[in-house]
Each structure stands twice: as structure tokens, then as C-alpha cells.
Amino acid sequence: MEQRIRYCAGPGGQRMESAMQAIQDPIPHNHRWGCGTLNSNGLQIKSYPEGDETVCRFQPPPHFMAGPTNVLCGGIIASLIDCHCVCTAIADAYRSAGRPLGSSPDLRAVTAALRVDYLSPTPLGQPLELRARAVERYGHNGLGSQPPLWRPGAGAWESL
């Protein structure tokens, strides 16, 4: 059985390569700060399908501290959630359309709103795991032939 655990890290972290293609890899013109393969200054997270969810494992580098040197900055946490959920929505849009990820015309998703309830501090020095799944599709975003907006879900962040 193939091991499905994938790690990725931003600047200063280590990346473990995978034979499985990340959702972000075939997305054209992907300059997003959190997940853009074309943004060398960004987080460059990688999200992978795992059953009906997507998973991203991320090892934050020490300079992502919140103030206390052993706690992760909440803004980084929000960015990780935002980017992972947007890529989950994009993958779901392609899957729902019966199309290969990254095929033309481009399917995109955007974050309409984001709320994060921080339930406990997130310590630095250990990998984080993010999981998401699309739970609702609604509306049209007014960008011509673009897909409707996806609401990947809401939740709270808790350090486990």
C-alpha cells in the first residue's frame, strides 16, 4: 500500500517529495502566496487528495513565531487554512466537472470569508496537518465562465 503522508514546508523548511501530484502543481498561473508553485517567496504548501478530503502537512520554520518563540503566528495559521481550502475547492470544481485538474478553461475559487477561532496556542517545532473537504457549492462569482464559489467548510483551529 502506498504511503499517503506528504510533508511540505515553506521557506527554511524541508520538503519531502512525492510521486503523487499535489493539487497545486497543475494549476496554471499559480502565484498565490500560500500555495503558488510560481511564488518562490510564499509558503508553497502542497495539498493531496485523501479519500473525500484533502490533506496538507506543513512544518513551519522557526521564524513564523507569534511573539513567544515557541508559538506559531495566527496569521500564518489563517493563511494555511485559506490556501488549503481554496485548493480543495478548485480540486472539487474540476472533479465535479469531470475534468483533469488544471485543464482549460481554468477553474478558480476564492475565499469569500474566513473566520478562525483559535482554541489553543500552536507550538512550533512539529508538523501541522490540515484537512478539508468541500461541503457546499453555491452561487456564481460573476467572472464569466468561472465556476460557482465553493464553501469548503468552517471550523476552529486547535493544536492537538
Foldseek 3Di string as FASTA:
>chain_A
DDDPDFAAWAPPDDGDDDPDAFLQVLAPPFCDQACRPPPNRHGNWTWDDDPQKIKTKYAYDQVQACPPSFFGNPVVVQSNQQVRLQSQFQVVVCVVVVHDRNDPPGEGEHDPDADEAEPDTATHDDMDMDMWHFDDFDDCDPPPPYGTHTDGDHDYDYHD
